[in-house]
């Protein structure tokens, strides 16, 4: 929801977590397996080399 009368700033403080930071859902069952940020970054780099674009989270679906 936005407020047309009040300016808002968004800051991405989570931009680059540690490579061993575990990423996962608190809700069970989860659609995605847990993975580290390092795994995610490596997968993105591999996808870009192979396909020319980022595939992203679908790589981590169960």
PDB file of N, CA and C in Angstrom:
ATOM      1  N   UNK A   1       0.852  -1.155   0.000  1.00  0.00           N
ATOM      2  CA  UNK A   1       0.000   0.000   0.000  1.00  0.00           C
ATOM      3  C   UNK A   1       0.907   1.229   0.000  1.00  0.00           C
ATOM      4  N   UNK A   2       0.566   2.232  -0.774  1.00  0.00           N
ATOM      5  CA  UNK A   2       1.354   3.454  -0.826  1.00  0.00           C
ATOM      6  C   UNK A   2       0.540   4.627  -0.316  1.00  0.00           C
ATOM      7  N   UNK A   3       1.265   5.676   0.028  1.00  0.00           N
ATOM      8  CA  UNK A   3       0.643   6.898   0.507  1.00  0.00           C
ATOM      9  C   UNK A   3       1.051   8.007  -0.457  1.00  0.00           C
ATOM     10  N   UNK A   4       0.114   8.560  -1.194  1.00  0.00           N
ATOM     11  CA  UNK A   4       0.408   9.575  -2.211  1.00  0.00           C
ATOM     12  C   UNK A   4       0.890  10.884  -1.599  1.00  0.00           C
ATOM     13  N   UNK A   5       0.667  11.093  -0.316  1.00  0.00           N
ATOM     14  CA  UNK A   5       1.043  12.358   0.327  1.00  0.00           C
ATOM     15  C   UNK A   5       2.358  12.294   1.086  1.00  0.00           C
ATOM     16  N   UNK A   6       2.886  11.124   1.281  1.00  0.00           N
ATOM     17  CA  UNK A   6       4.099  10.998   2.074  1.00  0.00           C
ATOM     18  C   UNK A   6       5.160  10.240   1.279  1.00  0.00           C
ATOM     19  N   UNK A   7       6.367  10.835   1.194  1.00  0.00           N
ATOM     20  CA  UNK A   7       7.462  10.211   0.468  1.00  0.00           C
ATOM     21  C   UNK A   7       8.004   9.016   1.257  1.00  0.00           C
ATOM     22  N   UNK A   8       8.415   7.982   0.538  1.00  0.00           N
ATOM     23  CA  UNK A   8       8.923   6.775   1.182  1.00  0.00           C
ATOM     24  C   UNK A   8      10.252   6.380   0.566  1.00  0.00           C
ATOM     25  N   UNK A   9      11.159   5.890   1.397  1.00  0.00           N
ATOM     26  CA  UNK A   9      12.447   5.386   0.945  1.00  0.00           C
ATOM     27  C   UNK A   9      12.527   3.899   1.244  1.00  0.00           C
ATOM     28  N   UNK A  10      13.066   3.146   0.311  1.00  0.00           N
ATOM     29  CA  UNK A  10      13.304   1.719   0.528  1.00  0.00           C
ATOM     30  C   UNK A  10      14.804   1.476   0.476  1.00  0.00           C
ATOM     31  N   UNK A  11      15.300   0.710   1.429  1.00  0.00           N
ATOM     32  CA  UNK A  11      16.727   0.413   1.494  1.00  0.00           C
ATOM     33  C   UNK A  11      16.901  -1.100   1.513  1.00  0.00           C
ATOM     34  N   UNK A  12      17.706  -1.607   0.598  1.00  0.00           N
ATOM     35  CA  UNK A  12      17.955  -3.052   0.532  1.00  0.00           C
ATOM     36  C   UNK A  12      19.128  -3.393   1.449  1.00  0.00           C
ATOM     37  N   UNK A  13      18.861  -3.608   2.713  1.00  0.00           N
ATOM     38  CA  UNK A  13      19.919  -3.899   3.676  1.00  0.00           C
ATOM     39  C   UNK A  13      20.366  -5.354   3.609  1.00  0.00           C
ATOM     40  N   UNK A  14      19.665  -6.176   2.884  1.00  0.00           N
ATOM     41  CA  UNK A  14      19.968  -7.601   2.785  1.00  0.00           C
ATOM     42  C   UNK A  14      20.668  -7.940   1.475  1.00  0.00           C
ATOM     43  N   UNK A  15      21.176  -6.959   0.786  1.00  0.00           N
ATOM     44  CA  UNK A  15      21.668  -7.113  -0.578  1.00  0.00           C
ATOM     45  C   UNK A  15      22.700  -8.227  -0.751  1.00  0.00           C
ATOM     46  N   UNK A  16      23.703  -8.273   0.075  1.00  0.00           N
ATOM     47  CA  UNK A  16      24.751  -9.283  -0.081  1.00  0.00           C
ATOM     48  C   UNK A  16      25.005  -9.986   1.245  1.00  0.00           C
ATOM     49  N   UNK A  17      24.216 -11.005   1.557  1.00  0.00           N
ATOM     50  CA  UNK A  17      24.473 -11.745   2.797  1.00  0.00           C
ATOM     51  C   UNK A  17      25.770 -12.543   2.680  1.00  0.00           C
ATOM     52  N   UNK A  18      26.238 -13.060   3.783  1.00  0.00           N
ATOM     53  CA  UNK A  18      27.432 -13.907   3.777  1.00  0.00           C
ATOM     54  C   UNK A  18      27.182 -15.115   2.872  1.00  0.00           C
ATOM     55  N   UNK A  19      28.226 -15.599   2.245  1.00  0.00           N
ATOM     56  CA  UNK A  19      28.069 -16.715   1.308  1.00  0.00           C
ATOM     57  C   UNK A  19      27.588 -17.991   1.991  1.00  0.00           C
ATOM     58  N   UNK A  20      27.832 -18.123   3.306  1.00  0.00           N
ATOM     59  CA  UNK A  20      27.361 -19.315   4.017  1.00  0.00           C
ATOM     60  C   UNK A  20      26.012 -19.089   4.700  1.00  0.00           C
ATOM     61  N   UNK A  21      25.375 -17.929   4.439  1.00  0.00           N
ATOM     62  CA  UNK A  21      24.055 -17.641   5.017  1.00  0.00           C
ATOM     63  C   UNK A  21      23.025 -18.599   4.424  1.00  0.00           C
ATOM     64  N   UNK A  22      22.282 -19.262   5.299  1.00  0.00           N
ATOM     65  CA  UNK A  22      21.271 -20.220   4.862  1.00  0.00           C
ATOM     66  C   UNK A  22      19.977 -19.488   4.528  1.00  0.00           C
ATOM     67  N   UNK A  23      19.434 -19.767   3.362  1.00  0.00           N
ATOM     68  CA  UNK A  23      18.197 -19.141   2.906  1.00  0.00           C
ATOM     69  C   UNK A  23      17.135 -20.228   2.834  1.00  0.00           C
ATOM     70  N   UNK A  24      16.012 -19.966   3.478  1.00  0.00           N
ATOM     71  CA  UNK A  24      14.948 -20.957   3.483  1.00  0.00           C
ATOM     72  C   UNK A  24      13.660 -20.365   4.010  1.00  0.00           C
ATOM     73  N   UNK A  25      12.596 -21.089   3.827  1.00  0.00           N
ATOM     74  CA  UNK A  25      11.272 -20.652   4.252  1.00  0.00           C
ATOM     75  C   UNK A  25      11.010 -21.076   5.691  1.00  0.00           C
ATOM     76  N   UNK A  26      10.290 -20.239   6.424  1.00  0.00           N
ATOM     77  CA  UNK A  26       9.853 -20.611   7.769  1.00  0.00           C
ATOM     78  C   UNK A  26       8.603 -21.473   7.693  1.00  0.00           C
ATOM     79  N   UNK A  27       7.915 -21.401   6.583  1.00  0.00           N
ATOM     80  CA  UNK A  27       6.675 -22.156   6.409  1.00  0.00           C
ATOM     81  C   UNK A  27       7.003 -23.559   5.905  1.00  0.00           C
ATOM     82  N   UNK A  28       6.404 -24.542   6.514  1.00  0.00           N
ATOM     83  CA  UNK A  28       6.573 -25.929   6.074  1.00  0.00           C
ATOM     84  C   UNK A  28       5.224 -26.480   5.650  1.00  0.00           C
ATOM     85  N   UNK A  29       5.112 -27.223   4.605  1.00  0.00           N
ATOM     86  CA  UNK A  29       6.211 -27.573   3.713  1.00  0.00           C
ATOM     87  C   UNK A  29       6.574 -26.395   2.815  1.00  0.00           C
ATOM     88  N   UNK A  30       7.821 -26.327   2.468  1.00  0.00           N
ATOM     89  CA  UNK A  30       8.328 -25.258   1.614  1.00  0.00           C
ATOM     90  C   UNK A  30       8.353 -25.725   0.163  1.00  0.00           C
ATOM     91  N   UNK A  31       8.172 -24.792  -0.752  1.00  0.00           N
ATOM     92  CA  UNK A  31       8.285 -25.119  -2.183  1.00  0.00           C
ATOM     93  C   UNK A  31       9.749 -25.283  -2.591  1.00  0.00           C
ATOM     94  N   UNK A  32      10.644 -24.630  -1.849  1.00  0.00           N
ATOM     95  CA  UNK A  32      12.059 -24.604  -2.199  1.00  0.00           C
ATOM     96  C   UNK A  32      12.884 -25.310  -1.132  1.00  0.00           C
ATOM     97  N   UNK A  33      13.943 -25.963  -1.547  1.00  0.00           N
ATOM     98  CA  UNK A  33      14.871 -26.534  -0.574  1.00  0.00           C
ATOM     99  C   UNK A  33      15.711 -25.395   0.006  1.00  0.00           C
ATOM    100  N   UNK A  34      16.265 -25.603   1.179  1.00  0.00           N
ATOM    101  CA  UNK A  34      17.145 -24.596   1.769  1.00  0.00           C
ATOM    102  C   UNK A  34      18.456 -24.584   0.998  1.00  0.00           C
ATOM    103  N   UNK A  35      19.048 -23.398   0.868  1.00  0.00           N
ATOM    104  CA  UNK A  35      20.309 -23.262   0.154  1.00  0.00           C
ATOM    105  C   UNK A  35      21.066 -22.086   0.728  1.00  0.00           C
ATOM    106  N   UNK A  36      22.359 -22.051   0.482  1.00  0.00           N
ATOM    107  CA  UNK A  36      23.160 -20.922   0.952  1.00  0.00           C
ATOM    108  C   UNK A  36      23.188 -19.838  -0.124  1.00  0.00           C
ATOM    109  N   UNK A  37      23.520 -18.643   0.299  1.00  0.00           N
ATOM    110  CA  UNK A  37      23.642 -17.555  -0.661  1.00  0.00           C
ATOM    111  C   UNK A  37      24.747 -17.872  -1.670  1.00  0.00           C
ATOM    112  N   UNK A  38      25.807 -18.527  -1.209  1.00  0.00           N
ATOM    113  CA  UNK A  38      26.893 -18.920  -2.112  1.00  0.00           C
ATOM    114  C   UNK A  38      26.418 -19.880  -3.195  1.00  0.00           C
ATOM    115  N   UNK A  39      25.564 -20.852  -2.818  1.00  0.00           N
ATOM    116  CA  UNK A  39      24.993 -21.774  -3.812  1.00  0.00           C
ATOM    117  C   UNK A  39      24.175 -21.004  -4.839  1.00  0.00           C
ATOM    118  N   UNK A  40      23.381 -20.060  -4.349  1.00  0.00           N
ATOM    119  CA  UNK A  40      22.537 -19.260  -5.243  1.00  0.00           C
ATOM    120  C   UNK A  40      23.398 -18.473  -6.228  1.00  0.00           C
ATOM    121  N   UNK A  41      24.424 -17.790  -5.724  1.00  0.00           N
ATOM    122  CA  UNK A  41      25.291 -16.989  -6.596  1.00  0.00           C
ATOM    123  C   UNK A  41      25.989 -17.861  -7.631  1.00  0.00           C
ATOM    124  N   UNK A  42      26.489 -19.009  -7.206  1.00  0.00           N
ATOM    125  CA  UNK A  42      27.158 -19.922  -8.146  1.00  0.00           C
ATOM    126  C   UNK A  42      26.200 -20.396  -9.225  1.00  0.00           C
ATOM    127  N   UNK A  43      24.979 -20.720  -8.828  1.00  0.00           N
ATOM    128  CA  UNK A  43      23.982 -21.200  -9.791  1.00  0.00           C
ATOM    129  C   UNK A  43      23.620 -20.107 -10.793  1.00  0.00           C
ATOM    130  N   UNK A  44      23.467 -18.874 -10.306  1.00  0.00           N
ATOM    131  CA  UNK A  44      23.159 -17.751 -11.198  1.00  0.00           C
ATOM    132  C   UNK A  44      24.286 -17.569 -12.212  1.00  0.00           C
ATOM    133  N   UNK A  45      25.533 -17.601 -11.750  1.00  0.00           N
ATOM    134  CA  UNK A  45      26.666 -17.435 -12.665  1.00  0.00           C
ATOM    135  C   UNK A  45      26.700 -18.553 -13.709  1.00  0.00           C
ATOM    136  N   UNK A  46      26.453 -19.777 -13.272  1.00  0.00           N
ATOM    137  CA  UNK A  46      26.431 -20.912 -14.202  1.00  0.00           C
ATOM    138  C   UNK A  46      25.306 -20.768 -15.228  1.00  0.00           C
ATOM    139  N   UNK A  47      24.119 -20.368 -14.766  1.00  0.00           N
ATOM    140  CA  UNK A  47      22.978 -20.183 -15.672  1.00  0.00           C
ATOM    141  C   UNK A  47      23.267 -19.116 -16.721  1.00  0.00           C
ATOM    142  N   UNK A  48      23.860 -18.012 -16.298  1.00  0.00           N
ATOM    143  CA  UNK A  48      24.158 -16.920 -17.235  1.00  0.00           C
ATOM    144  C   UNK A  48      25.178 -17.381 -18.276  1.00  0.00           C
ATOM    145  N   UNK A  49      26.187 -18.130 -17.845  1.00  0.00           N
ATOM    146  CA  UNK A  49      27.177 -18.641 -18.804  1.00  0.00           C
ATOM    147  C   UNK A  49      26.537 -19.588 -19.819  1.00  0.00           C
ATOM    148  N   UNK A  50      25.638 -20.465 -19.348  1.00  0.00           N
ATOM    149  CA  UNK A  50      25.035 -21.474 -20.224  1.00  0.00           C
ATOM    150  C   UNK A  50      23.902 -20.937 -21.084  1.00  0.00           C
ATOM    151  N   UNK A  51      23.048 -20.079 -20.505  1.00  0.00           N
ATOM    152  CA  UNK A  51      21.827 -19.666 -21.207  1.00  0.00           C
ATOM    153  C   UNK A  51      21.794 -18.197 -21.601  1.00  0.00           C
ATOM    154  N   UNK A  52      22.688 -17.389 -21.000  1.00  0.00           N
ATOM    155  CA  UNK A  52      22.683 -15.961 -21.304  1.00  0.00           C
ATOM    156  C   UNK A  52      21.749 -15.157 -20.416  1.00  0.00           C
ATOM    157  N   UNK A  53      21.038 -15.836 -19.492  1.00  0.00           N
ATOM    158  CA  UNK A  53      20.173 -15.107 -18.561  1.00  0.00           C
ATOM    159  C   UNK A  53      20.060 -15.856 -17.233  1.00  0.00           C
ATOM    160  N   UNK A  54      19.585 -15.140 -16.226  1.00  0.00           N
ATOM    161  CA  UNK A  54      19.439 -15.695 -14.882  1.00  0.00           C
ATOM    162  C   UNK A  54      18.150 -16.499 -14.792  1.00  0.00           C
ATOM    163  N   UNK A  55      18.239 -17.725 -14.322  1.00  0.00           N
ATOM    164  CA  UNK A  55      17.050 -18.550 -14.127  1.00  0.00           C
ATOM    165  C   UNK A  55      16.510 -18.354 -12.717  1.00  0.00           C
ATOM    166  N   UNK A  56      17.393 -18.268 -11.733  1.00  0.00           N
ATOM    167  CA  UNK A  56      16.992 -17.915 -10.375  1.00  0.00           C
ATOM    168  C   UNK A  56      16.409 -19.038  -9.541  1.00  0.00           C
ATOM    169  N   UNK A  57      15.405 -18.702  -8.746  1.00  0.00           N
ATOM    170  CA  UNK A  57      14.868 -19.612  -7.739  1.00  0.00           C
ATOM    171  C   UNK A  57      14.296 -20.928  -8.251  1.00  0.00           C
ATOM    172  N   UNK A  58      13.748 -21.018  -9.453  1.00  0.00           N
ATOM    173  CA  UNK A  58      13.240 -22.325  -9.894  1.00  0.00           C
ATOM    174  C   UNK A  58      14.285 -23.445  -9.792  1.00  0.00           C
ATOM    175  N   UNK A  59      15.551 -23.101  -9.801  1.00  0.00           N
ATOM    176  CA  UNK A  59      16.609 -24.103  -9.652  1.00  0.00           C
ATOM    177  C   UNK A  59      16.563 -24.789  -8.290  1.00  0.00           C
ATOM    178  N   UNK A  60      15.914 -24.169  -7.316  1.00  0.00           N
ATOM    179  CA  UNK A  60      15.912 -24.688  -5.952  1.00  0.00           C
ATOM    180  C   UNK A  60      14.564 -25.272  -5.539  1.00  0.00           C
ATOM    181  N   UNK A  61      13.676 -25.488  -6.514  1.00  0.00           N
ATOM    182  CA  UNK A  61      12.393 -26.136  -6.215  1.00  0.00           C
ATOM    183  C   UNK A  61      12.627 -27.588  -5.822  1.00  0.00           C
ATOM    184  N   UNK A  62      11.784 -28.102  -4.951  1.00  0.00           N
ATOM    185  CA  UNK A  62      11.850 -29.538  -4.609  1.00  0.00           C
ATOM    186  C   UNK A  62      11.411 -30.356  -5.778  1.00  0.00           C
TER     187      UNK A  62
END
